[in-house]
PDB file of N, CA and C in Angstrom:
ATOM      1  N   UNK A   1      -7.201  -8.510  14.996  1.00  0.00           N
ATOM      2  CA  UNK A   1      -6.479  -8.714  13.759  1.00  0.00           C
ATOM      3  C   UNK A   1      -6.302 -10.218  13.530  1.00  0.00           C
ATOM      4  N   UNK A   2      -6.299 -10.594  12.295  1.00  0.00           N
ATOM      5  CA  UNK A   2      -6.102 -11.994  11.932  1.00  0.00           C
ATOM      6  C   UNK A   2      -4.613 -12.297  11.865  1.00  0.00           C
ATOM      7  N   UNK A   3      -4.175 -13.374  12.477  1.00  0.00           N
ATOM      8  CA  UNK A   3      -2.755 -13.713  12.380  1.00  0.00           C
ATOM      9  C   UNK A   3      -2.404 -14.150  10.963  1.00  0.00           C
ATOM     10  N   UNK A   4      -1.180 -13.904  10.601  1.00  0.00           N
ATOM     11  CA  UNK A   4      -0.706 -14.276   9.272  1.00  0.00           C
ATOM     12  C   UNK A   4      -0.444 -15.776   9.217  1.00  0.00           C
ATOM     13  N   UNK A   5      -0.801 -16.446   8.103  1.00  0.00           N
ATOM     14  CA  UNK A   5      -0.535 -17.880   7.996  1.00  0.00           C
ATOM     15  C   UNK A   5       0.937 -18.194   7.753  1.00  0.00           C
ATOM     16  N   UNK A   6       1.713 -17.202   7.372  1.00  0.00           N
ATOM     17  CA  UNK A   6       3.131 -17.441   7.113  1.00  0.00           C
ATOM     18  C   UNK A   6       3.927 -17.270   8.397  1.00  0.00           C
ATOM     19  N   UNK A   7       4.962 -18.057   8.535  1.00  0.00           N
ATOM     20  CA  UNK A   7       5.817 -17.982   9.714  1.00  0.00           C
ATOM     21  C   UNK A   7       6.705 -16.745   9.628  1.00  0.00           C
ATOM     22  N   UNK A   8       7.057 -16.154  10.767  1.00  0.00           N
ATOM     23  CA  UNK A   8       7.960 -15.008  10.733  1.00  0.00           C
ATOM     24  C   UNK A   8       9.344 -15.443  10.261  1.00  0.00           C
ATOM     25  N   UNK A   9      10.135 -14.513   9.732  1.00  0.00           N
ATOM     26  CA  UNK A   9      11.471 -14.884   9.269  1.00  0.00           C
ATOM     27  C   UNK A   9      12.341 -15.363  10.419  1.00  0.00           C
ATOM     28  N   UNK A  10      13.174 -16.336  10.150  1.00  0.00           N
ATOM     29  CA  UNK A  10      14.027 -16.933  11.182  1.00  0.00           C
ATOM     30  C   UNK A  10      15.243 -16.070  11.504  1.00  0.00           C
ATOM     31  N   UNK A  11      15.715 -15.314  10.518  1.00  0.00           N
ATOM     32  CA  UNK A  11      16.890 -14.479  10.752  1.00  0.00           C
ATOM     33  C   UNK A  11      16.720 -13.172   9.998  1.00  0.00           C
ATOM     34  N   UNK A  12      17.481 -12.201  10.398  1.00  0.00           N
ATOM     35  CA  UNK A  12      17.447 -10.922   9.708  1.00  0.00           C
ATOM     36  C   UNK A  12      18.151 -11.039   8.369  1.00  0.00           C
ATOM     37  N   UNK A  13      17.655 -10.318   7.384  1.00  0.00           N
ATOM     38  CA  UNK A  13      18.292 -10.310   6.067  1.00  0.00           C
ATOM     39  C   UNK A  13      19.534  -9.438   6.084  1.00  0.00           C
ATOM     40  N   UNK A  14      20.244  -9.468   4.996  1.00  0.00           N
ATOM     41  CA  UNK A  14      21.441  -8.640   4.905  1.00  0.00           C
ATOM     42  C   UNK A  14      21.043  -7.194   4.649  1.00  0.00           C
ATOM     43  N   UNK A  15      21.985  -6.294   4.798  1.00  0.00           N
ATOM     44  CA  UNK A  15      21.715  -4.872   4.598  1.00  0.00           C
ATOM     45  C   UNK A  15      21.319  -4.569   3.163  1.00  0.00           C
ATOM     46  N   UNK A  16      21.699  -5.422   2.225  1.00  0.00           N
ATOM     47  CA  UNK A  16      21.346  -5.185   0.828  1.00  0.00           C
ATOM     48  C   UNK A  16      19.883  -5.487   0.550  1.00  0.00           C
ATOM     49  N   UNK A  17      19.172  -6.069   1.509  1.00  0.00           N
ATOM     50  CA  UNK A  17      17.766  -6.392   1.332  1.00  0.00           C
ATOM     51  C   UNK A  17      16.869  -5.367   2.008  1.00  0.00           C
ATOM     52  N   UNK A  18      17.297  -4.119   2.066  1.00  0.00           N
ATOM     53  CA  UNK A  18      16.491  -3.066   2.660  1.00  0.00           C
ATOM     54  C   UNK A  18      15.272  -2.753   1.819  1.00  0.00           C
ATOM     55  N   UNK A  19      14.350  -1.996   2.382  1.00  0.00           N
ATOM     56  CA  UNK A  19      13.130  -1.659   1.668  1.00  0.00           C
ATOM     57  C   UNK A  19      13.282  -0.418   0.800  1.00  0.00           C
ATOM     58  N   UNK A  20      14.320   0.378   1.032  1.00  0.00           N
ATOM     59  CA  UNK A  20      14.577   1.577   0.238  1.00  0.00           C
ATOM     60  C   UNK A  20      16.021   1.531  -0.225  1.00  0.00           C
ATOM     61  N   UNK A  21      16.242   1.808  -1.501  1.00  0.00           N
ATOM     62  CA  UNK A  21      17.598   1.831  -2.041  1.00  0.00           C
ATOM     63  C   UNK A  21      17.752   3.080  -2.899  1.00  0.00           C
ATOM     64  N   UNK A  22      18.768   3.868  -2.609  1.00  0.00           N
ATOM     65  CA  UNK A  22      19.064   5.056  -3.409  1.00  0.00           C
ATOM     66  C   UNK A  22      20.047   4.643  -4.492  1.00  0.00           C
ATOM     67  N   UNK A  23      19.618   4.783  -5.741  1.00  0.00           N
ATOM     68  CA  UNK A  23      20.462   4.386  -6.869  1.00  0.00           C
ATOM     69  C   UNK A  23      21.522   5.438  -7.151  1.00  0.00           C
ATOM     70  N   UNK A  24      22.706   4.982  -7.483  1.00  0.00           N
ATOM     71  CA  UNK A  24      23.755   5.881  -7.954  1.00  0.00           C
ATOM     72  C   UNK A  24      23.365   6.374  -9.346  1.00  0.00           C
ATOM     73  N   UNK A  25      23.873   7.534  -9.778  1.00  0.00           N
ATOM     74  CA  UNK A  25      23.526   8.021 -11.124  1.00  0.00           C
ATOM     75  C   UNK A  25      23.896   7.042 -12.233  1.00  0.00           C
ATOM     76  N   UNK A  26      24.925   6.248 -12.020  1.00  0.00           N
ATOM     77  CA  UNK A  26      25.350   5.300 -13.056  1.00  0.00           C
ATOM     78  C   UNK A  26      24.586   3.972 -12.999  1.00  0.00           C
ATOM     79  N   UNK A  27      23.800   3.734 -11.933  1.00  0.00           N
ATOM     80  CA  UNK A  27      23.071   2.470 -11.781  1.00  0.00           C
ATOM     81  C   UNK A  27      21.778   2.470 -12.589  1.00  0.00           C
ATOM     82  N   UNK A  28      21.503   1.358 -13.233  1.00  0.00           N
ATOM     83  CA  UNK A  28      20.262   1.163 -13.970  1.00  0.00           C
ATOM     84  C   UNK A  28      19.286   0.403 -13.070  1.00  0.00           C
ATOM     85  N   UNK A  29      18.033   0.890 -12.908  1.00  0.00           N
ATOM     86  CA  UNK A  29      17.095   0.195 -12.015  1.00  0.00           C
ATOM     87  C   UNK A  29      16.799  -1.237 -12.442  1.00  0.00           C
ATOM     88  N   UNK A  30      16.698  -1.483 -13.743  1.00  0.00           N
ATOM     89  CA  UNK A  30      16.417  -2.846 -14.211  1.00  0.00           C
ATOM     90  C   UNK A  30      17.563  -3.796 -13.881  1.00  0.00           C
ATOM     91  N   UNK A  31      18.787  -3.322 -14.041  1.00  0.00           N
ATOM     92  CA  UNK A  31      19.946  -4.160 -13.704  1.00  0.00           C
ATOM     93  C   UNK A  31      20.012  -4.418 -12.199  1.00  0.00           C
ATOM     94  N   UNK A  32      19.653  -3.403 -11.394  1.00  0.00           N
ATOM     95  CA  UNK A  32      19.640  -3.589  -9.944  1.00  0.00           C
ATOM     96  C   UNK A  32      18.622  -4.653  -9.552  1.00  0.00           C
ATOM     97  N   UNK A  33      17.422  -4.599 -10.147  1.00  0.00           N
ATOM     98  CA  UNK A  33      16.384  -5.578  -9.819  1.00  0.00           C
ATOM     99  C   UNK A  33      16.776  -6.983 -10.260  1.00  0.00           C
ATOM    100  N   UNK A  34      17.475  -7.106 -11.372  1.00  0.00           N
ATOM    101  CA  UNK A  34      17.931  -8.424 -11.827  1.00  0.00           C
ATOM    102  C   UNK A  34      19.031  -8.968 -10.914  1.00  0.00           C
ATOM    103  N   UNK A  35      19.889  -8.068 -10.433  1.00  0.00           N
ATOM    104  CA  UNK A  35      21.019  -8.480  -9.602  1.00  0.00           C
ATOM    105  C   UNK A  35      20.567  -8.827  -8.181  1.00  0.00           C
ATOM    106  N   UNK A  36      19.585  -8.116  -7.643  1.00  0.00           N
ATOM    107  CA  UNK A  36      19.101  -8.336  -6.282  1.00  0.00           C
ATOM    108  C   UNK A  36      17.606  -8.639  -6.314  1.00  0.00           C
ATOM    109  N   UNK A  37      17.185  -9.846  -6.656  1.00  0.00           N
ATOM    110  CA  UNK A  37      15.748 -10.155  -6.685  1.00  0.00           C
ATOM    111  C   UNK A  37      15.190 -10.280  -5.263  1.00  0.00           C
ATOM    112  N   UNK A  38      14.649  -9.198  -4.759  1.00  0.00           N
ATOM    113  CA  UNK A  38      14.128  -9.145  -3.396  1.00  0.00           C
ATOM    114  C   UNK A  38      12.633  -9.456  -3.439  1.00  0.00           C
ATOM    115  N   UNK A  39      12.162 -10.340  -2.569  1.00  0.00           N
ATOM    116  CA  UNK A  39      10.757 -10.739  -2.604  1.00  0.00           C
ATOM    117  C   UNK A  39       9.839  -9.725  -1.935  1.00  0.00           C
ATOM    118  N   UNK A  40      10.376  -8.843  -1.122  1.00  0.00           N
ATOM    119  CA  UNK A  40       9.568  -7.799  -0.501  1.00  0.00           C
ATOM    120  C   UNK A  40       9.494  -6.589  -1.420  1.00  0.00           C
ATOM    121  N   UNK A  41       8.467  -5.762  -1.258  1.00  0.00           N
ATOM    122  CA  UNK A  41       8.429  -4.522  -2.036  1.00  0.00           C
ATOM    123  C   UNK A  41       9.628  -3.645  -1.690  1.00  0.00           C
ATOM    124  N   UNK A  42      10.171  -2.987  -2.682  1.00  0.00           N
ATOM    125  CA  UNK A  42      11.329  -2.119  -2.494  1.00  0.00           C
ATOM    126  C   UNK A  42      11.078  -0.810  -3.221  1.00  0.00           C
ATOM    127  N   UNK A  43      11.557   0.272  -2.634  1.00  0.00           N
ATOM    128  CA  UNK A  43      11.442   1.591  -3.237  1.00  0.00           C
ATOM    129  C   UNK A  43      12.823   1.996  -3.736  1.00  0.00           C
ATOM    130  N   UNK A  44      12.950   2.165  -5.040  1.00  0.00           N
ATOM    131  CA  UNK A  44      14.207   2.601  -5.634  1.00  0.00           C
ATOM    132  C   UNK A  44      14.127   4.100  -5.874  1.00  0.00           C
ATOM    133  N   UNK A  45      15.070   4.837  -5.308  1.00  0.00           N
ATOM    134  CA  UNK A  45      15.096   6.288  -5.447  1.00  0.00           C
ATOM    135  C   UNK A  45      16.096   6.634  -6.535  1.00  0.00           C
ATOM    136  N   UNK A  46      15.585   7.195  -7.635  1.00  0.00           N
ATOM    137  CA  UNK A  46      16.430   7.634  -8.737  1.00  0.00           C
ATOM    138  C   UNK A  46      16.559   9.150  -8.666  1.00  0.00           C
ATOM    139  N   UNK A  47      17.342   9.722  -9.570  1.00  0.00           N
ATOM    140  CA  UNK A  47      17.515  11.171  -9.568  1.00  0.00           C
ATOM    141  C   UNK A  47      16.251  11.890 -10.018  1.00  0.00           C
ATOM    142  N   UNK A  48      15.446  11.288 -10.892  1.00  0.00           N
ATOM    143  CA  UNK A  48      14.266  11.961 -11.430  1.00  0.00           C
ATOM    144  C   UNK A  48      12.954  11.482 -10.814  1.00  0.00           C
ATOM    145  N   UNK A  49      12.869  10.213 -10.414  1.00  0.00           N
ATOM    146  CA  UNK A  49      11.610   9.682  -9.905  1.00  0.00           C
ATOM    147  C   UNK A  49      11.853   8.532  -8.943  1.00  0.00           C
ATOM    148  N   UNK A  50      10.766   7.937  -8.468  1.00  0.00           N
ATOM    149  CA  UNK A  50      10.810   6.807  -7.541  1.00  0.00           C
ATOM    150  C   UNK A  50      10.194   5.604  -8.232  1.00  0.00           C
ATOM    151  N   UNK A  51      10.713   4.436  -7.948  1.00  0.00           N
ATOM    152  CA  UNK A  51      10.211   3.215  -8.564  1.00  0.00           C
ATOM    153  C   UNK A  51       9.892   2.213  -7.468  1.00  0.00           C
ATOM    154  N   UNK A  52       8.648   1.767  -7.421  1.00  0.00           N
ATOM    155  CA  UNK A  52       8.229   0.742  -6.472  1.00  0.00           C
ATOM    156  C   UNK A  52       8.219  -0.584  -7.205  1.00  0.00           C
ATOM    157  N   UNK A  53       8.955  -1.573  -6.682  1.00  0.00           N
ATOM    158  CA  UNK A  53       9.093  -2.857  -7.367  1.00  0.00           C
ATOM    159  C   UNK A  53       8.982  -3.995  -6.361  1.00  0.00           C
ATOM    160  N   UNK A  54       8.640  -5.175  -6.891  1.00  0.00           N
ATOM    161  CA  UNK A  54       8.628  -6.414  -6.107  1.00  0.00           C
ATOM    162  C   UNK A  54       9.375  -7.449  -6.916  1.00  0.00           C
ATOM    163  N   UNK A  55      10.389  -8.056  -6.316  1.00  0.00           N
ATOM    164  CA  UNK A  55      11.202  -9.030  -7.046  1.00  0.00           C
ATOM    165  C   UNK A  55      11.915  -8.342  -8.195  1.00  0.00           C
ATOM    166  N   UNK A  56      11.713  -8.830  -9.394  1.00  0.00           N
ATOM    167  CA  UNK A  56      12.334  -8.216 -10.569  1.00  0.00           C
ATOM    168  C   UNK A  56      11.328  -7.413 -11.379  1.00  0.00           C
ATOM    169  N   UNK A  57      10.114  -7.220 -10.847  1.00  0.00           N
ATOM    170  CA  UNK A  57       9.059  -6.546 -11.602  1.00  0.00           C
ATOM    171  C   UNK A  57       8.750  -5.166 -11.022  1.00  0.00           C
ATOM    172  N   UNK A  58       8.930  -4.095 -11.805  1.00  0.00           N
ATOM    173  CA  UNK A  58       8.521  -2.766 -11.345  1.00  0.00           C
ATOM    174  C   UNK A  58       6.995  -2.660 -11.313  1.00  0.00           C
ATOM    175  N   UNK A  59       6.461  -2.049 -10.262  1.00  0.00           N
ATOM    176  CA  UNK A  59       5.012  -1.906 -10.130  1.00  0.00           C
ATOM    177  C   UNK A  59       4.531  -0.503 -10.487  1.00  0.00           C
ATOM    178  N   UNK A  60       5.100   0.499  -9.822  1.00  0.00           N
ATOM    179  CA  UNK A  60       4.636   1.880  -9.966  1.00  0.00           C
ATOM    180  C   UNK A  60       5.843   2.806 -10.084  1.00  0.00           C
ATOM    181  N   UNK A  61       5.722   3.799 -10.937  1.00  0.00           N
ATOM    182  CA  UNK A  61       6.689   4.888 -10.981  1.00  0.00           C
ATOM    183  C   UNK A  61       6.015   6.109 -10.376  1.00  0.00           C
ATOM    184  N   UNK A  62       6.652   6.689  -9.379  1.00  0.00           N
ATOM    185  CA  UNK A  62       6.108   7.856  -8.690  1.00  0.00           C
ATOM    186  C   UNK A  62       6.984   9.067  -8.969  1.00  0.00           C
ATOM    187  N   UNK A  63       6.388  10.264  -9.015  1.00  0.00           N
ATOM    188  CA  UNK A  63       7.217  11.462  -9.173  1.00  0.00           C
ATOM    189  C   UNK A  63       8.035  11.715  -7.908  1.00  0.00           C
ATOM    190  N   UNK A  64       9.145  12.388  -8.065  1.00  0.00           N
ATOM    191  CA  UNK A  64      10.054  12.659  -6.945  1.00  0.00           C
ATOM    192  C   UNK A  64       9.363  13.466  -5.838  1.00  0.00           C
ATOM    193  N   UNK A  65       8.336  14.241  -6.199  1.00  0.00           N
ATOM    194  CA  UNK A  65       7.627  15.056  -5.208  1.00  0.00           C
ATOM    195  C   UNK A  65       6.855  14.196  -4.204  1.00  0.00           C
ATOM    196  N   UNK A  66       6.619  12.936  -4.513  1.00  0.00           N
ATOM    197  CA  UNK A  66       5.874  12.045  -3.609  1.00  0.00           C
ATOM    198  C   UNK A  66       6.797  11.276  -2.665  1.00  0.00           C
ATOM    199  N   UNK A  67       7.996  11.780  -2.452  1.00  0.00           N
ATOM    200  CA  UNK A  67       8.966  11.087  -1.599  1.00  0.00           C
ATOM    201  C   UNK A  67       8.425  10.919  -0.174  1.00  0.00           C
ATOM    202  N   UNK A  68       7.582  11.851   0.288  1.00  0.00           N
ATOM    203  CA  UNK A  68       7.044  11.755   1.645  1.00  0.00           C
ATOM    204  C   UNK A  68       5.908  10.735   1.738  1.00  0.00           C
ATOM    205  N   UNK A  69       5.165  10.526   0.656  1.00  0.00           N
ATOM    206  CA  UNK A  69       4.080   9.552   0.661  1.00  0.00           C
ATOM    207  C   UNK A  69       4.564   8.152   0.289  1.00  0.00           C
ATOM    208  N   UNK A  70       5.723   8.056  -0.331  1.00  0.00           N
ATOM    209  CA  UNK A  70       6.234   6.774  -0.828  1.00  0.00           C
ATOM    210  C   UNK A  70       6.393   5.718   0.267  1.00  0.00           C
ATOM    211  N   UNK A  71       6.902   6.047   1.464  1.00  0.00           N
ATOM    212  CA  UNK A  71       6.992   4.998   2.497  1.00  0.00           C
ATOM    213  C   UNK A  71       5.629   4.433   2.898  1.00  0.00           C
ATOM    214  N   UNK A  72       4.598   5.274   2.913  1.00  0.00           N
ATOM    215  CA  UNK A  72       3.262   4.785   3.236  1.00  0.00           C
ATOM    216  C   UNK A  72       2.754   3.840   2.147  1.00  0.00           C
ATOM    217  N   UNK A  73       2.997   4.189   0.885  1.00  0.00           N
ATOM    218  CA  UNK A  73       2.619   3.315  -0.227  1.00  0.00           C
ATOM    219  C   UNK A  73       3.399   2.003  -0.144  1.00  0.00           C
ATOM    220  N   UNK A  74       4.685   2.098   0.191  1.00  0.00           N
ATOM    221  CA  UNK A  74       5.529   0.914   0.337  1.00  0.00           C
ATOM    222  C   UNK A  74       5.008   0.000   1.447  1.00  0.00           C
ATOM    223  N   UNK A  75       4.637   0.587   2.588  1.00  0.00           N
ATOM    224  CA  UNK A  75       4.105  -0.220   3.690  1.00  0.00           C
ATOM    225  C   UNK A  75       2.775  -0.857   3.310  1.00  0.00           C
ATOM    226  N   UNK A  76       1.945  -0.135   2.553  1.00  0.00           N
ATOM    227  CA  UNK A  76       0.683  -0.705   2.089  1.00  0.00           C
ATOM    228  C   UNK A  76       0.905  -1.895   1.176  1.00  0.00           C
ATOM    229  N   UNK A  77       1.871  -1.773   0.273  1.00  0.00           N
ATOM    230  CA  UNK A  77       2.198  -2.899  -0.616  1.00  0.00           C
ATOM    231  C   UNK A  77       2.757  -4.070   0.176  1.00  0.00           C
ATOM    232  N   UNK A  78       3.629  -3.777   1.142  1.00  0.00           N
ATOM    233  CA  UNK A  78       4.203  -4.845   1.962  1.00  0.00           C
ATOM    234  C   UNK A  78       3.092  -5.592   2.699  1.00  0.00           C
ATOM    235  N   UNK A  79       2.174  -4.845   3.310  1.00  0.00           N
ATOM    236  CA  UNK A  79       1.071  -5.476   4.039  1.00  0.00           C
ATOM    237  C   UNK A  79       0.207  -6.304   3.092  1.00  0.00           C
ATOM    238  N   UNK A  80      -0.098  -5.743   1.933  1.00  0.00           N
ATOM    239  CA  UNK A  80      -0.952  -6.446   0.974  1.00  0.00           C
ATOM    240  C   UNK A  80      -0.327  -7.759   0.536  1.00  0.00           C
ATOM    241  N   UNK A  81       0.965  -7.737   0.209  1.00  0.00           N
ATOM    242  CA  UNK A  81       1.610  -8.942  -0.297  1.00  0.00           C
ATOM    243  C   UNK A  81       1.907  -9.961   0.790  1.00  0.00           C
ATOM    244  N   UNK A  82       2.178  -9.517   2.026  1.00  0.00           N
ATOM    245  CA  UNK A  82       2.581 -10.453   3.068  1.00  0.00           C
ATOM    246  C   UNK A  82       1.451 -10.876   3.999  1.00  0.00           C
ATOM    247  N   UNK A  83       0.442 -10.046   4.165  1.00  0.00           N
ATOM    248  CA  UNK A  83      -0.606 -10.371   5.125  1.00  0.00           C
ATOM    249  C   UNK A  83      -1.893 -10.853   4.466  1.00  0.00           C
ATOM    250  N   UNK A  84      -2.309 -10.190   3.407  1.00  0.00           N
ATOM    251  CA  UNK A  84      -3.639 -10.477   2.874  1.00  0.00           C
ATOM    252  C   UNK A  84      -3.621 -11.214   1.550  1.00  0.00           C
ATOM    253  N   UNK A  85      -2.521 -11.233   0.835  1.00  0.00           N
ATOM    254  CA  UNK A  85      -2.514 -11.820  -0.502  1.00  0.00           C
ATOM    255  C   UNK A  85      -2.843 -13.310  -0.468  1.00  0.00           C
ATOM    256  N   UNK A  86      -2.248 -14.046   0.451  1.00  0.00           N
ATOM    257  CA  UNK A  86      -2.513 -15.492   0.507  1.00  0.00           C
ATOM    258  C   UNK A  86      -3.966 -15.768   0.887  1.00  0.00           C
ATOM    259  N   UNK A  87      -4.548 -14.934   1.760  1.00  0.00           N
ATOM    260  CA  UNK A  87      -5.957 -15.105   2.119  1.00  0.00           C
ATOM    261  C   UNK A  87      -6.849 -14.794   0.919  1.00  0.00           C
ATOM    262  N   UNK A  88      -6.474 -13.776   0.150  1.00  0.00           N
ATOM    263  CA  UNK A  88      -7.255 -13.399  -1.029  1.00  0.00           C
ATOM    264  C   UNK A  88      -7.244 -14.521  -2.060  1.00  0.00           C
ATOM    265  N   UNK A  89      -6.077 -15.087  -2.301  1.00  0.00           N
ATOM    266  CA  UNK A  89      -5.971 -16.188  -3.260  1.00  0.00           C
ATOM    267  C   UNK A  89      -6.756 -17.395  -2.758  1.00  0.00           C
ATOM    268  N   UNK A  90      -6.702 -17.660  -1.457  1.00  0.00           N
ATOM    269  CA  UNK A  90      -7.435 -18.798  -0.898  1.00  0.00           C
ATOM    270  C   UNK A  90      -8.941 -18.628  -1.074  1.00  0.00           C
ATOM    271  N   UNK A  91      -9.446 -17.400  -0.984  1.00  0.00           N
ATOM    272  CA  UNK A  91     -10.883 -17.196  -1.170  1.00  0.00           C
ATOM    273  C   UNK A  91     -11.279 -17.339  -2.629  1.00  0.00           C
ATOM    274  N   UNK A  92     -10.360 -17.074  -3.553  1.00  0.00           N
ATOM    275  CA  UNK A  92     -10.666 -17.238  -4.970  1.00  0.00           C
ATOM    276  C   UNK A  92     -10.707 -18.705  -5.379  1.00  0.00           C
ATOM    277  N   UNK A  93      -9.930 -19.541  -4.698  1.00  0.00           N
ATOM    278  CA  UNK A  93      -9.875 -20.965  -5.039  1.00  0.00           C
ATOM    279  C   UNK A  93     -11.023 -21.642  -4.400  1.00  0.00           C
TER     280      UNK A  93
END
């Protein structure tokens, strides 16, 4: 495996920076993303569907039935953005 060019994090993040967040019925996903701009991919679990987002930008909306596949998709996005994205951009330049 190729080592990542980015340094590992120096400290653990707070509990609010988790990769999965279950929204309360009164919470709006857009307001949550604006309030907590997380740089890692995050899976927001709503009452009707799932939302995969990075930072303040939603990427994919998944049906609630894909709750079992969602962590795998989340890990794939995390790997893509943290391990290979910088190498991909470097090859384009």
